[in-house]
Each structure stands twice: as structure tokens, then as C-alpha cells.
PDB file of N, CA and C in Angstrom:
ATOM      1  N   MET A   1     -32.216 -47.224  23.823  1.00  0.00           N
ATOM      2  CA  MET A   1     -32.035 -46.465  22.620  1.00  0.00           C
ATOM      3  C   MET A   1     -32.746 -45.127  22.712  1.00  0.00           C
ATOM      4  N   LYS A   2     -33.965 -45.160  23.237  1.00  0.00           N
ATOM      5  CA  LYS A   2     -34.711 -43.922  23.362  1.00  0.00           C
ATOM      6  C   LYS A   2     -34.006 -42.965  24.310  1.00  0.00           C
ATOM      7  N   ARG A   3     -33.414 -43.509  25.359  1.00  0.00           N
ATOM      8  CA  ARG A   3     -32.720 -42.684  26.337  1.00  0.00           C
ATOM      9  C   ARG A   3     -31.504 -41.997  25.708  1.00  0.00           C
ATOM     10  N   GLN A   4     -30.742 -42.715  24.862  1.00  0.00           N
ATOM     11  CA  GLN A   4     -29.593 -42.118  24.178  1.00  0.00           C
ATOM     12  C   GLN A   4     -30.050 -40.983  23.271  1.00  0.00           C
ATOM     13  N   PHE A   5     -31.142 -41.197  22.552  1.00  0.00           N
ATOM     14  CA  PHE A   5     -31.655 -40.161  21.672  1.00  0.00           C
ATOM     15  C   PHE A   5     -32.057 -38.931  22.467  1.00  0.00           C
ATOM     16  N   GLU A   6     -32.714 -39.135  23.606  1.00  0.00           N
ATOM     17  CA  GLU A   6     -33.133 -38.005  24.431  1.00  0.00           C
ATOM     18  C   GLU A   6     -31.930 -37.241  24.974  1.00  0.00           C
ATOM     19  N   ARG A   7     -30.889 -37.966  25.380  1.00  0.00           N
ATOM     20  CA  ARG A   7     -29.674 -37.321  25.874  1.00  0.00           C
ATOM     21  C   ARG A   7     -28.999 -36.502  24.764  1.00  0.00           C
ATOM     22  N   LEU A   8     -28.909 -37.083  23.573  1.00  0.00           N
ATOM     23  CA  LEU A   8     -28.315 -36.394  22.439  1.00  0.00           C
ATOM     24  C   LEU A   8     -29.145 -35.167  22.074  1.00  0.00           C
ATOM     25  N   HIS A   9     -30.463 -35.322  22.030  1.00  0.00           N
ATOM     26  CA  HIS A   9     -31.330 -34.201  21.697  1.00  0.00           C
ATOM     27  C   HIS A   9     -31.231 -33.101  22.754  1.00  0.00           C
ATOM     28  N   ALA A  10     -31.145 -33.459  24.010  1.00  0.00           N
ATOM     29  CA  ALA A  10     -31.038 -32.470  25.083  1.00  0.00           C
ATOM     30  C   ALA A  10     -29.739 -31.690  24.966  1.00  0.00           C
ATOM     31  N   ALA A  11     -28.651 -32.364  24.597  1.00  0.00           N
ATOM     32  CA  ALA A  11     -27.371 -31.680  24.446  1.00  0.00           C
ATOM     33  C   ALA A  11     -27.406 -30.726  23.253  1.00  0.00           C
ATOM     34  N   ARG A  12     -28.124 -31.070  22.202  1.00  0.00           N
ATOM     35  CA  ARG A  12     -28.146 -30.247  20.992  1.00  0.00           C
ATOM     36  C   ARG A  12     -28.999 -28.994  21.178  1.00  0.00           C
ATOM     37  N   VAL A  13     -30.050 -29.035  21.964  1.00  0.00           N
ATOM     38  CA  VAL A  13     -30.921 -27.872  22.112  1.00  0.00           C
ATOM     39  C   VAL A  13     -30.540 -27.019  23.316  1.00  0.00           C
ATOM     40  N   GLY A  14     -29.454 -27.342  23.999  1.00  0.00           N
ATOM     41  CA  GLY A  14     -28.981 -26.490  25.075  1.00  0.00           C
ATOM     42  C   GLY A  14     -29.351 -26.968  26.460  1.00  0.00           C
ATOM     43  N   GLU A  15     -30.061 -28.065  26.560  1.00  0.00           N
ATOM     44  CA  GLU A  15     -30.392 -28.594  27.872  1.00  0.00           C
ATOM     45  C   GLU A  15     -29.301 -29.569  28.298  1.00  0.00           C
ATOM     46  N   GLY A  16     -29.059 -29.734  29.528  1.00  0.00           N
ATOM     47  CA  GLY A  16     -28.046 -30.676  29.984  1.00  0.00           C
ATOM     48  C   GLY A  16     -26.648 -30.071  29.859  1.00  0.00           C
ATOM     49  N   GLU A  17     -25.681 -30.884  29.435  1.00  0.00           N
ATOM     50  CA  GLU A  17     -24.291 -30.449  29.383  1.00  0.00           C
ATOM     51  C   GLU A  17     -24.014 -29.450  28.265  1.00  0.00           C
ATOM     52  N   GLY A  18     -24.529 -29.650  27.078  1.00  0.00           N
ATOM     53  CA  GLY A  18     -24.346 -28.717  25.960  1.00  0.00           C
ATOM     54  C   GLY A  18     -22.928 -28.734  25.427  1.00  0.00           C
ATOM     55  N   GLY A  19     -22.564 -27.711  24.622  1.00  0.00           N
ATOM     56  CA  GLY A  19     -21.238 -27.605  24.044  1.00  0.00           C
ATOM     57  C   GLY A  19     -21.238 -28.004  22.580  1.00  0.00           C
ATOM     58  N   PHE A  20     -20.057 -27.902  21.970  1.00  0.00           N
ATOM     59  CA  PHE A  20     -19.907 -28.231  20.562  1.00  0.00           C
ATOM     60  C   PHE A  20     -19.366 -29.646  20.412  1.00  0.00           C
ATOM     61  N   THR A  21     -19.757 -30.292  19.347  1.00  0.00           N
ATOM     62  CA  THR A  21     -19.224 -31.622  19.069  1.00  0.00           C
ATOM     63  C   THR A  21     -17.865 -31.467  18.398  1.00  0.00           C
ATOM     64  N   LEU A  22     -17.120 -32.544  18.368  1.00  0.00           N
ATOM     65  CA  LEU A  22     -15.797 -32.538  17.747  1.00  0.00           C
ATOM     66  C   LEU A  22     -15.889 -32.211  16.261  1.00  0.00           C
ATOM     67  N   ILE A  23     -16.871 -32.718  15.593  1.00  0.00           N
ATOM     68  CA  ILE A  23     -17.051 -32.457  14.157  1.00  0.00           C
ATOM     69  C   ILE A  23     -17.295 -30.972  13.921  1.00  0.00           C
ATOM     70  N   GLU A  24     -18.118 -30.355  14.711  1.00  0.00           N
ATOM     71  CA  GLU A  24     -18.393 -28.919  14.557  1.00  0.00           C
ATOM     72  C   GLU A  24     -17.116 -28.094  14.739  1.00  0.00           C
ATOM     73  N   LEU A  25     -16.321 -28.437  15.724  1.00  0.00           N
ATOM     74  CA  LEU A  25     -15.070 -27.710  15.955  1.00  0.00           C
ATOM     75  C   LEU A  25     -14.098 -27.889  14.797  1.00  0.00           C
ATOM     76  N   LEU A  26     -13.998 -29.112  14.262  1.00  0.00           N
ATOM     77  CA  LEU A  26     -13.113 -29.356  13.125  1.00  0.00           C
ATOM     78  C   LEU A  26     -13.562 -28.590  11.890  1.00  0.00           C
ATOM     79  N   ILE A  27     -14.848 -28.514  11.654  1.00  0.00           N
ATOM     80  CA  ILE A  27     -15.359 -27.769  10.500  1.00  0.00           C
ATOM     81  C   ILE A  27     -15.011 -26.285  10.636  1.00  0.00           C
ATOM     82  N   VAL A  28     -15.178 -25.736  11.813  1.00  0.00           N
ATOM     83  CA  VAL A  28     -14.835 -24.324  12.035  1.00  0.00           C
ATOM     84  C   VAL A  28     -13.345 -24.096  11.811  1.00  0.00           C
ATOM     85  N   ILE A  29     -12.501 -24.992  12.282  1.00  0.00           N
ATOM     86  CA  ILE A  29     -11.052 -24.852  12.101  1.00  0.00           C
ATOM     87  C   ILE A  29     -10.688 -24.907  10.622  1.00  0.00           C
ATOM     88  N   VAL A  30     -11.298 -25.806   9.876  1.00  0.00           N
ATOM     89  CA  VAL A  30     -11.032 -25.910   8.434  1.00  0.00           C
ATOM     90  C   VAL A  30     -11.470 -24.629   7.716  1.00  0.00           C
ATOM     91  N   ILE A  31     -12.629 -24.113   8.036  1.00  0.00           N
ATOM     92  CA  ILE A  31     -13.118 -22.879   7.404  1.00  0.00           C
ATOM     93  C   ILE A  31     -12.182 -21.716   7.718  1.00  0.00           C
ATOM     94  N   LEU A  32     -11.741 -21.599   8.960  1.00  0.00           N
ATOM     95  CA  LEU A  32     -10.803 -20.528   9.325  1.00  0.00           C
ATOM     96  C   LEU A  32      -9.477 -20.672   8.584  1.00  0.00           C
ATOM     97  N   GLY A  33      -9.017 -21.906   8.402  1.00  0.00           N
ATOM     98  CA  GLY A  33      -7.781 -22.134   7.644  1.00  0.00           C
ATOM     99  C   GLY A  33      -7.914 -21.698   6.197  1.00  0.00           C
ATOM    100  N   ILE A  34      -9.046 -22.006   5.589  1.00  0.00           N
ATOM    101  CA  ILE A  34      -9.284 -21.596   4.203  1.00  0.00           C
ATOM    102  C   ILE A  34      -9.325 -20.074   4.102  1.00  0.00           C
ATOM    103  N   LEU A  35     -10.012 -19.416   5.006  1.00  0.00           N
ATOM    104  CA  LEU A  35     -10.070 -17.947   5.000  1.00  0.00           C
ATOM    105  C   LEU A  35      -8.690 -17.328   5.194  1.00  0.00           C
ATOM    106  N   ALA A  36      -7.882 -17.897   6.072  1.00  0.00           N
ATOM    107  CA  ALA A  36      -6.528 -17.378   6.295  1.00  0.00           C
ATOM    108  C   ALA A  36      -5.682 -17.513   5.029  1.00  0.00           C
ATOM    109  N   ALA A  37      -5.807 -18.618   4.322  1.00  0.00           N
ATOM    110  CA  ALA A  37      -5.046 -18.810   3.079  1.00  0.00           C
ATOM    111  C   ALA A  37      -5.460 -17.786   2.030  1.00  0.00           C
ATOM    112  N   VAL A  38      -6.748 -17.508   1.922  1.00  0.00           N
ATOM    113  CA  VAL A  38      -7.229 -16.518   0.958  1.00  0.00           C
ATOM    114  C   VAL A  38      -6.667 -15.136   1.291  1.00  0.00           C
ATOM    115  N   VAL A  39      -6.659 -14.779   2.551  1.00  0.00           N
ATOM    116  CA  VAL A  39      -6.137 -13.463   2.963  1.00  0.00           C
ATOM    117  C   VAL A  39      -4.649 -13.352   2.667  1.00  0.00           C
ATOM    118  N   VAL A  40      -3.881 -14.380   2.938  1.00  0.00           N
ATOM    119  CA  VAL A  40      -2.434 -14.343   2.695  1.00  0.00           C
ATOM    120  C   VAL A  40      -2.149 -14.131   1.212  1.00  0.00           C
ATOM    121  N   PHE A  41      -2.833 -14.844   0.335  1.00  0.00           N
ATOM    122  CA  PHE A  41      -2.612 -14.672  -1.099  1.00  0.00           C
ATOM    123  C   PHE A  41      -3.060 -13.298  -1.568  1.00  0.00           C
ATOM    124  N   SER A  42      -4.122 -12.762  -1.013  1.00  0.00           N
ATOM    125  CA  SER A  42      -4.587 -11.425  -1.394  1.00  0.00           C
ATOM    126  C   SER A  42      -3.590 -10.355  -0.982  1.00  0.00           C
ATOM    127  N   VAL A  43      -3.044 -10.446   0.206  1.00  0.00           N
ATOM    128  CA  VAL A  43      -2.102  -9.454   0.699  1.00  0.00           C
ATOM    129  C   VAL A  43      -0.806  -9.479  -0.097  1.00  0.00           C
ATOM    130  N   SER A  44      -0.341 -10.648  -0.510  1.00  0.00           N
ATOM    131  CA  SER A  44       0.897 -10.709  -1.278  1.00  0.00           C
ATOM    132  C   SER A  44       0.735 -10.001  -2.617  1.00  0.00           C
ATOM    133  N   GLY A  45      -0.417 -10.081  -3.235  1.00  0.00           N
ATOM    134  CA  GLY A  45      -0.666  -9.366  -4.481  1.00  0.00           C
ATOM    135  C   GLY A  45      -0.704  -7.864  -4.276  1.00  0.00           C
ATOM    136  N   ILE A  46      -1.233  -7.440  -3.149  1.00  0.00           N
ATOM    137  CA  ILE A  46      -1.315  -6.009  -2.849  1.00  0.00           C
ATOM    138  C   ILE A  46       0.076  -5.431  -2.641  1.00  0.00           C
ATOM    139  N   THR A  47       0.955  -6.133  -1.939  1.00  0.00           N
ATOM    140  CA  THR A  47       2.297  -5.599  -1.713  1.00  0.00           C
ATOM    141  C   THR A  47       3.094  -5.535  -3.006  1.00  0.00           C
ATOM    142  N   ASP A  48       2.908  -6.506  -3.914  1.00  0.00           N
ATOM    143  CA  ASP A  48       3.584  -6.446  -5.210  1.00  0.00           C
ATOM    144  C   ASP A  48       3.143  -5.216  -5.990  1.00  0.00           C
ATOM    145  N   THR A  49       1.855  -4.935  -5.973  1.00  0.00           N
ATOM    146  CA  THR A  49       1.329  -3.764  -6.659  1.00  0.00           C
ATOM    147  C   THR A  49       1.880  -2.484  -6.037  1.00  0.00           C
ATOM    148  N   GLY A  50       1.967  -2.442  -4.733  1.00  0.00           N
ATOM    149  CA  GLY A  50       2.515  -1.271  -4.049  1.00  0.00           C
ATOM    150  C   GLY A  50       3.987  -1.059  -4.361  1.00  0.00           C
ATOM    151  N   ASP A  51       4.758  -2.139  -4.413  1.00  0.00           N
ATOM    152  CA  ASP A  51       6.185  -2.032  -4.751  1.00  0.00           C
ATOM    153  C   ASP A  51       6.368  -1.483  -6.158  1.00  0.00           C
ATOM    154  N   GLN A  52       5.570  -1.968  -7.091  1.00  0.00           N
ATOM    155  CA  GLN A  52       5.668  -1.494  -8.479  1.00  0.00           C
ATOM    156  C   GLN A  52       5.266  -0.024  -8.571  1.00  0.00           C
ATOM    157  N   ALA A  53       4.244   0.383  -7.832  1.00  0.00           N
ATOM    158  CA  ALA A  53       3.812   1.777  -7.843  1.00  0.00           C
ATOM    159  C   ALA A  53       4.904   2.683  -7.262  1.00  0.00           C
ATOM    160  N   ALA A  54       5.570   2.242  -6.200  1.00  0.00           N
ATOM    161  CA  ALA A  54       6.647   3.033  -5.606  1.00  0.00           C
ATOM    162  C   ALA A  54       7.808   3.185  -6.578  1.00  0.00           C
ATOM    163  N   CYS A  55       8.124   2.129  -7.300  1.00  0.00           N
ATOM    164  CA  CYS A  55       9.213   2.180  -8.272  1.00  0.00           C
ATOM    165  C   CYS A  55       8.864   3.131  -9.414  1.00  0.00           C
ATOM    166  N   THR A  56       7.645   3.032  -9.909  1.00  0.00           N
ATOM    167  CA  THR A  56       7.201   3.910 -10.990  1.00  0.00           C
ATOM    168  C   THR A  56       7.203   5.368 -10.544  1.00  0.00           C
ATOM    169  N   SER A  57       6.788   5.622  -9.319  1.00  0.00           N
ATOM    170  CA  SER A  57       6.796   6.983  -8.784  1.00  0.00           C
ATOM    171  C   SER A  57       8.220   7.524  -8.680  1.00  0.00           C
ATOM    172  N   SER A  58       9.144   6.704  -8.208  1.00  0.00           N
ATOM    173  CA  SER A  58      10.541   7.130  -8.105  1.00  0.00           C
ATOM    174  C   SER A  58      11.118   7.416  -9.484  1.00  0.00           C
ATOM    175  N   ARG A  59      10.799   6.576 -10.448  1.00  0.00           N
ATOM    176  CA  ARG A  59      11.284   6.776 -11.816  1.00  0.00           C
ATOM    177  C   ARG A  59      10.759   8.095 -12.383  1.00  0.00           C
ATOM    178  N   SER A  60       9.475   8.376 -12.159  1.00  0.00           N
ATOM    179  CA  SER A  60       8.880   9.619 -12.639  1.00  0.00           C
ATOM    180  C   SER A  60       9.545  10.833 -11.993  1.00  0.00           C
ATOM    181  N   ALA A  61       9.818  10.738 -10.686  1.00  0.00           N
ATOM    182  CA  ALA A  61      10.481  11.841  -9.987  1.00  0.00           C
ATOM    183  C   ALA A  61      11.887  12.081 -10.543  1.00  0.00           C
ATOM    184  N   ILE A  62      12.592  10.998 -10.838  1.00  0.00           N
ATOM    185  CA  ILE A  62      13.955  11.130 -11.379  1.00  0.00           C
ATOM    186  C   ILE A  62      13.908  11.728 -12.790  1.00  0.00           C
ATOM    187  N   GLU A  63      12.973  11.267 -13.616  1.00  0.00           N
ATOM    188  CA  GLU A  63      12.852  11.826 -14.968  1.00  0.00           C
ATOM    189  C   GLU A  63      12.550  13.319 -14.924  1.00  0.00           C
ATOM    190  N   THR A  64      11.626  13.719 -14.062  1.00  0.00           N
ATOM    191  CA  THR A  64      11.284  15.130 -13.922  1.00  0.00           C
ATOM    192  C   THR A  64      12.478  15.924 -13.396  1.00  0.00           C
ATOM    193  N   GLY A  65      13.181  15.356 -12.418  1.00  0.00           N
ATOM    194  CA  GLY A  65      14.364  16.027 -11.874  1.00  0.00           C
ATOM    195  C   GLY A  65      15.463  16.191 -12.907  1.00  0.00           C
ATOM    196  N   LEU A  66      15.655  15.189 -13.755  1.00  0.00           N
ATOM    197  CA  LEU A  66      16.662  15.285 -14.815  1.00  0.00           C
ATOM    198  C   LEU A  66      16.333  16.424 -15.778  1.00  0.00           C
ATOM    199  N   GLU A  67      15.074  16.511 -16.178  1.00  0.00           N
ATOM    200  CA  GLU A  67      14.679  17.575 -17.105  1.00  0.00           C
ATOM    201  C   GLU A  67      14.784  18.949 -16.451  1.00  0.00           C
ATOM    202  N   ALA A  68      14.414  19.043 -15.170  1.00  0.00           N
ATOM    203  CA  ALA A  68      14.515  20.319 -14.460  1.00  0.00           C
ATOM    204  C   ALA A  68      15.978  20.731 -14.287  1.00  0.00           C
ATOM    205  N   ALA A  69      16.849  19.765 -13.963  1.00  0.00           N
ATOM    206  CA  ALA A  69      18.278  20.079 -13.805  1.00  0.00           C
ATOM    207  C   ALA A  69      18.879  20.522 -15.127  1.00  0.00           C
ATOM    208  N   TYR A  70      18.469  19.895 -16.221  1.00  0.00           N
ATOM    209  CA  TYR A  70      18.962  20.280 -17.555  1.00  0.00           C
ATOM    210  C   TYR A  70      18.516  21.704 -17.890  1.00  0.00           C
ATOM    211  N   ALA A  71      17.244  22.004 -17.617  1.00  0.00           N
ATOM    212  CA  ALA A  71      16.712  23.328 -17.928  1.00  0.00           C
ATOM    213  C   ALA A  71      17.374  24.422 -17.087  1.00  0.00           C
ATOM    214  N   LYS A  72      17.739  24.081 -15.849  1.00  0.00           N
ATOM    215  CA  LYS A  72      18.305  25.070 -14.931  1.00  0.00           C
ATOM    216  C   LYS A  72      19.804  25.279 -15.162  1.00  0.00           C
ATOM    217  N   SER A  73      20.487  24.289 -15.696  1.00  0.00           N
ATOM    218  CA  SER A  73      21.946  24.368 -15.799  1.00  0.00           C
ATOM    219  C   SER A  73      22.385  25.283 -16.947  1.00  0.00           C
ATOM    220  N   ASN A  74      23.571  25.860 -16.761  1.00  0.00           N
ATOM    221  CA  ASN A  74      24.152  26.699 -17.809  1.00  0.00           C
ATOM    222  C   ASN A  74      25.647  26.460 -17.799  1.00  0.00           C
ATOM    223  N   PRO A  75      26.243  25.842 -18.743  1.00  0.00           N
ATOM    224  CA  PRO A  75      25.682  25.381 -20.004  1.00  0.00           C
ATOM    225  C   PRO A  75      24.782  24.175 -19.798  1.00  0.00           C
ATOM    226  N   LYS A  76      23.915  23.921 -20.769  1.00  0.00           N
ATOM    227  CA  LYS A  76      22.930  22.843 -20.678  1.00  0.00           C
ATOM    228  C   LYS A  76      23.630  21.483 -20.599  1.00  0.00           C
ATOM    229  N   ALA A  77      23.401  20.781 -19.466  1.00  0.00           N
ATOM    230  CA  ALA A  77      24.011  19.465 -19.265  1.00  0.00           C
ATOM    231  C   ALA A  77      23.168  18.689 -18.253  1.00  0.00           C
ATOM    232  N   TYR A  78      23.048  17.400 -18.488  1.00  0.00           N
ATOM    233  CA  TYR A  78      22.342  16.528 -17.553  1.00  0.00           C
ATOM    234  C   TYR A  78      23.295  16.102 -16.441  1.00  0.00           C
ATOM    235  N   PRO A  79      22.783  15.902 -15.224  1.00  0.00           N
ATOM    236  CA  PRO A  79      23.608  15.308 -14.163  1.00  0.00           C
ATOM    237  C   PRO A  79      24.044  13.908 -14.572  1.00  0.00           C
ATOM    238  N   VAL A  80      25.246  13.503 -14.160  1.00  0.00           N
ATOM    239  CA  VAL A  80      25.783  12.213 -14.602  1.00  0.00           C
ATOM    240  C   VAL A  80      25.358  11.041 -13.735  1.00  0.00           C
ATOM    241  N   ASP A  81      24.909  11.305 -12.495  1.00  0.00           N
ATOM    242  CA  ASP A  81      24.452  10.216 -11.629  1.00  0.00           C
ATOM    243  C   ASP A  81      23.437  10.741 -10.624  1.00  0.00           C
ATOM    244  N   LEU A  82      22.908   9.838  -9.812  1.00  0.00           N
ATOM    245  CA  LEU A  82      21.852  10.200  -8.862  1.00  0.00           C
ATOM    246  C   LEU A  82      22.353  11.170  -7.805  1.00  0.00           C
ATOM    247  N   ALA A  83      23.601  11.006  -7.360  1.00  0.00           N
ATOM    248  CA  ALA A  83      24.153  11.922  -6.351  1.00  0.00           C
ATOM    249  C   ALA A  83      24.224  13.347  -6.910  1.00  0.00           C
ATOM    250  N   ALA A  84      24.635  13.476  -8.150  1.00  0.00           N
ATOM    251  CA  ALA A  84      24.708  14.806  -8.771  1.00  0.00           C
ATOM    252  C   ALA A  84      23.311  15.389  -8.951  1.00  0.00           C
ATOM    253  N   LEU A  85      22.356  14.549  -9.282  1.00  0.00           N
ATOM    254  CA  LEU A  85      20.972  15.014  -9.435  1.00  0.00           C
ATOM    255  C   LEU A  85      20.427  15.509  -8.102  1.00  0.00           C
ATOM    256  N   GLN A  86      20.683  14.770  -7.036  1.00  0.00           N
ATOM    257  CA  GLN A  86      20.216  15.195  -5.720  1.00  0.00           C
ATOM    258  C   GLN A  86      20.953  16.455  -5.266  1.00  0.00           C
ATOM    259  N   ALA A  87      22.233  16.578  -5.597  1.00  0.00           N
ATOM    260  CA  ALA A  87      23.002  17.769  -5.232  1.00  0.00           C
ATOM    261  C   ALA A  87      22.468  19.009  -5.944  1.00  0.00           C
ATOM    262  N   SER A  88      21.890  18.829  -7.128  1.00  0.00           N
ATOM    263  CA  SER A  88      21.330  19.966  -7.853  1.00  0.00           C
ATOM    264  C   SER A  88      20.049  20.480  -7.203  1.00  0.00           C
ATOM    265  N   GLY A  89      19.485  19.699  -6.285  1.00  0.00           N
ATOM    266  CA  GLY A  89      18.272  20.114  -5.586  1.00  0.00           C
ATOM    267  C   GLY A  89      16.994  19.831  -6.351  1.00  0.00           C
ATOM    268  N   MET A  90      17.082  19.114  -7.451  1.00  0.00           N
ATOM    269  CA  MET A  90      15.904  18.851  -8.276  1.00  0.00           C
ATOM    270  C   MET A  90      15.143  17.611  -7.838  1.00  0.00           C
ATOM    271  N   VAL A  91      15.767  16.763  -7.008  1.00  0.00           N
ATOM    272  CA  VAL A  91      15.135  15.544  -6.492  1.00  0.00           C
ATOM    273  C   VAL A  91      15.436  15.464  -5.004  1.00  0.00           C
ATOM    274  N   GLY A  92      14.424  15.143  -4.227  1.00  0.00           N
ATOM    275  CA  GLY A  92      14.626  14.992  -2.790  1.00  0.00           C
ATOM    276  C   GLY A  92      15.250  13.655  -2.456  1.00  0.00           C
ATOM    277  N   GLU A  93      15.188  13.299  -1.191  1.00  0.00           N
ATOM    278  CA  GLU A  93      15.751  12.030  -0.719  1.00  0.00           C
ATOM    279  C   GLU A  93      14.911  10.870  -1.236  1.00  0.00           C
ATOM    280  N   LEU A  94      15.553   9.918  -1.874  1.00  0.00           N
ATOM    281  CA  LEU A  94      14.893   8.718  -2.383  1.00  0.00           C
ATOM    282  C   LEU A  94      15.464   7.528  -1.626  1.00  0.00           C
ATOM    283  N   ASN A  95      14.867   7.200  -0.491  1.00  0.00           N
ATOM    284  CA  ASN A  95      15.396   6.154   0.388  1.00  0.00           C
ATOM    285  C   ASN A  95      15.464   4.800  -0.300  1.00  0.00           C
ATOM    286  N   GLY A  96      16.662   4.238  -0.366  1.00  0.00           N
ATOM    287  CA  GLY A  96      16.851   2.907  -0.901  1.00  0.00           C
ATOM    288  C   GLY A  96      16.761   2.798  -2.412  1.00  0.00           C
ATOM    289  N   VAL A  97      16.645   3.924  -3.110  1.00  0.00           N
ATOM    290  CA  VAL A  97      16.496   3.895  -4.565  1.00  0.00           C
ATOM    291  C   VAL A  97      17.859   4.073  -5.222  1.00  0.00           C
ATOM    292  N   THR A  98      18.131   3.258  -6.219  1.00  0.00           N
ATOM    293  CA  THR A  98      19.316   3.446  -7.045  1.00  0.00           C
ATOM    294  C   THR A  98      18.847   3.677  -8.472  1.00  0.00           C
ATOM    295  N   ALA A  99      19.610   4.475  -9.203  1.00  0.00           N
ATOM    296  CA  ALA A  99      19.234   4.770 -10.589  1.00  0.00           C
ATOM    297  C   ALA A  99      20.499   4.917 -11.417  1.00  0.00           C
ATOM    298  N   THR A 100      20.422   4.444 -12.652  1.00  0.00           N
ATOM    299  CA  THR A 100      21.535   4.613 -13.584  1.00  0.00           C
ATOM    300  C   THR A 100      20.977   5.083 -14.914  1.00  0.00           C
ATOM    301  N   TRP A 101      21.770   5.856 -15.624  1.00  0.00           N
ATOM    302  CA  TRP A 101      21.401   6.298 -16.955  1.00  0.00           C
ATOM    303  C   TRP A 101      22.659   6.676 -17.707  1.00  0.00           C
ATOM    304  N   THR A 102      22.494   6.831 -18.996  1.00  0.00           N
ATOM    305  CA  THR A 102      23.612   7.212 -19.850  1.00  0.00           C
ATOM    306  C   THR A 102      23.310   8.565 -20.459  1.00  0.00           C
ATOM    307  N   VAL A 103      24.272   9.479 -20.358  1.00  0.00           N
ATOM    308  CA  VAL A 103      24.135  10.787 -20.991  1.00  0.00           C
ATOM    309  C   VAL A 103      24.835  10.704 -22.342  1.00  0.00           C
ATOM    310  N   ASN A 104      24.084  10.893 -23.395  1.00  0.00           N
ATOM    311  CA  ASN A 104      24.623  10.859 -24.749  1.00  0.00           C
ATOM    312  C   ASN A 104      25.044  12.267 -25.158  1.00  0.00           C
ATOM    313  N   ALA A 105      26.258  12.374 -25.669  1.00  0.00           N
ATOM    314  CA  ALA A 105      26.781  13.682 -26.068  1.00  0.00           C
ATOM    315  C   ALA A 105      25.908  14.265 -27.173  1.00  0.00           C
ATOM    316  N   GLY A 106      25.782  15.565 -27.156  1.00  0.00           N
ATOM    317  CA  GLY A 106      24.918  16.255 -28.110  1.00  0.00           C
ATOM    318  C   GLY A 106      25.708  16.865 -29.234  1.00  0.00           C
ATOM    319  N   PRO A 107      25.354  18.002 -29.685  1.00  0.00           N
ATOM    320  CA  PRO A 107      24.199  18.744 -29.169  1.00  0.00           C
ATOM    321  C   PRO A 107      22.899  18.255 -29.788  1.00  0.00           C
ATOM    322  N   PRO A 108      21.792  18.331 -29.149  1.00  0.00           N
ATOM    323  CA  PRO A 108      21.660  18.487 -27.700  1.00  0.00           C
ATOM    324  C   PRO A 108      21.913  17.153 -27.001  1.00  0.00           C
ATOM    325  N   GLN A 109      22.230  17.226 -25.710  1.00  0.00           N
ATOM    326  CA  GLN A 109      22.432  16.002 -24.925  1.00  0.00           C
ATOM    327  C   GLN A 109      21.099  15.255 -24.794  1.00  0.00           C
ATOM    328  N   THR A 110      21.207  13.945 -24.703  1.00  0.00           N
ATOM    329  CA  THR A 110      20.022  13.120 -24.455  1.00  0.00           C
ATOM    330  C   THR A 110      20.345  12.088 -23.379  1.00  0.00           C
ATOM    331  N   ILE A 111      19.306  11.528 -22.819  1.00  0.00           N
ATOM    332  CA  ILE A 111      19.436  10.504 -21.777  1.00  0.00           C
ATOM    333  C   ILE A 111      18.918   9.190 -22.354  1.00  0.00           C
ATOM    334  N   SER A 112      19.598   8.098 -22.076  1.00  0.00           N
ATOM    335  CA  SER A 112      19.094   6.780 -22.479  1.00  0.00           C
ATOM    336  C   SER A 112      19.389   5.771 -21.385  1.00  0.00           C
ATOM    337  N   GLY A 113      18.649   4.684 -21.410  1.00  0.00           N
ATOM    338  CA  GLY A 113      18.911   3.574 -20.494  1.00  0.00           C
ATOM    339  C   GLY A 113      18.635   3.863 -19.038  1.00  0.00           C
ATOM    340  N   LEU A 114      17.614   4.670 -18.745  1.00  0.00           N
ATOM    341  CA  LEU A 114      17.298   4.964 -17.346  1.00  0.00           C
ATOM    342  C   LEU A 114      16.731   3.718 -16.679  1.00  0.00           C
ATOM    343  N   THR A 115      17.409   3.260 -15.634  1.00  0.00           N
ATOM    344  CA  THR A 115      16.962   2.111 -14.850  1.00  0.00           C
ATOM    345  C   THR A 115      16.865   2.531 -13.394  1.00  0.00           C
ATOM    346  N   VAL A 116      15.722   2.287 -12.787  1.00  0.00           N
ATOM    347  CA  VAL A 116      15.489   2.643 -11.394  1.00  0.00           C
ATOM    348  C   VAL A 116      15.226   1.364 -10.615  1.00  0.00           C
ATOM    349  N   SER A 117      15.884   1.229  -9.460  1.00  0.00           N
ATOM    350  CA  SER A 117      15.692   0.055  -8.606  1.00  0.00           C
ATOM    351  C   SER A 117      15.372   0.497  -7.186  1.00  0.00           C
ATOM    352  N   THR A 118      14.365  -0.140  -6.626  1.00  0.00           N
ATOM    353  CA  THR A 118      14.051   0.031  -5.198  1.00  0.00           C
ATOM    354  C   THR A 118      14.506  -1.240  -4.500  1.00  0.00           C
ATOM    355  N   PRO A 119      14.454  -1.304  -3.171  1.00  0.00           N
ATOM    356  CA  PRO A 119      14.891  -2.523  -2.487  1.00  0.00           C
ATOM    357  C   PRO A 119      14.137  -3.788  -2.920  1.00  0.00           C
ATOM    358  N   THR A 120      12.938  -3.643  -3.485  1.00  0.00           N
ATOM    359  CA  THR A 120      12.140  -4.826  -3.814  1.00  0.00           C
ATOM    360  C   THR A 120      11.871  -5.024  -5.296  1.00  0.00           C
ATOM    361  N   THR A 121      12.079  -4.021  -6.134  1.00  0.00           N
ATOM    362  CA  THR A 121      11.734  -4.171  -7.547  1.00  0.00           C
ATOM    363  C   THR A 121      12.563  -3.229  -8.419  1.00  0.00           C
ATOM    364  N   THR A 122      12.557  -3.508  -9.711  1.00  0.00           N
ATOM    365  CA  THR A 122      13.245  -2.672 -10.686  1.00  0.00           C
ATOM    366  C   THR A 122      12.270  -2.272 -11.764  1.00  0.00           C
ATOM    367  N   CYS A 123      12.344  -1.004 -12.180  1.00  0.00           N
ATOM    368  CA  CYS A 123      11.468  -0.550 -13.265  1.00  0.00           C
ATOM    369  C   CYS A 123      12.220   0.361 -14.215  1.00  0.00           C
TER     370      CYS A 123
END
């Protein structure tokens, strides 16, 4: 019995064969698994926030472009769709963005129902 204890003690303090026990390795694997799960859930929340921010930014750009196109046009009229808005030069390339709105007859004309969609979200 004393000999087994000495062998075990020698392995634990670095004398003899050394190395990690099976329990120690399993504990490390479990801890790494828990950390990986936490990171995956954190990253998914970050991408959702980024998608929403991109959609909001695109919507703001379209709203500003609509007002600029209206102010620049003579007679005063809003573009009827996104292609017309981009053709007016008031909005640059919006990759993967679709937008719809309704132009209400005036005078003065108004816009309602602006919906902007990106490949991942709608705002």
C-alpha cells in the first residue's frame, strides 16, 4: 500500500512517468465545451445586432435620398421606386437591399409605407 502511494505521489509531483490523469483531461474538455457554447451564443447576438444596424442605415439613406430627390426635381415629385431613386443619383449602390413605398398624390406629395429589406432582416 505504501508503495502504491509513493508511486502515485511521484507521478503527481513530476517524478517518474508524470502526465495528466483521465479525470483532469475530461474536466478540461468539459470546461472548453462550456466556453465554446458561450462564445457561439454571444456571436449570434452580435450578428443580429449588426444586421439590424445595416437595415436601419439603409433605411436612413433611402429616406434622405427620397427627400433630396424631391427637393432637386422640377416639378416636385418623389421617385416611384428604388431604381428611379438610384438613377436620380441621390442614393448609391445598396447591395442586396430592396425597398418599397407608396407615393401619395398631393399637393404636396407624401411618402407612406416605406419598407426596407436586406438579405437577413426587414425594417
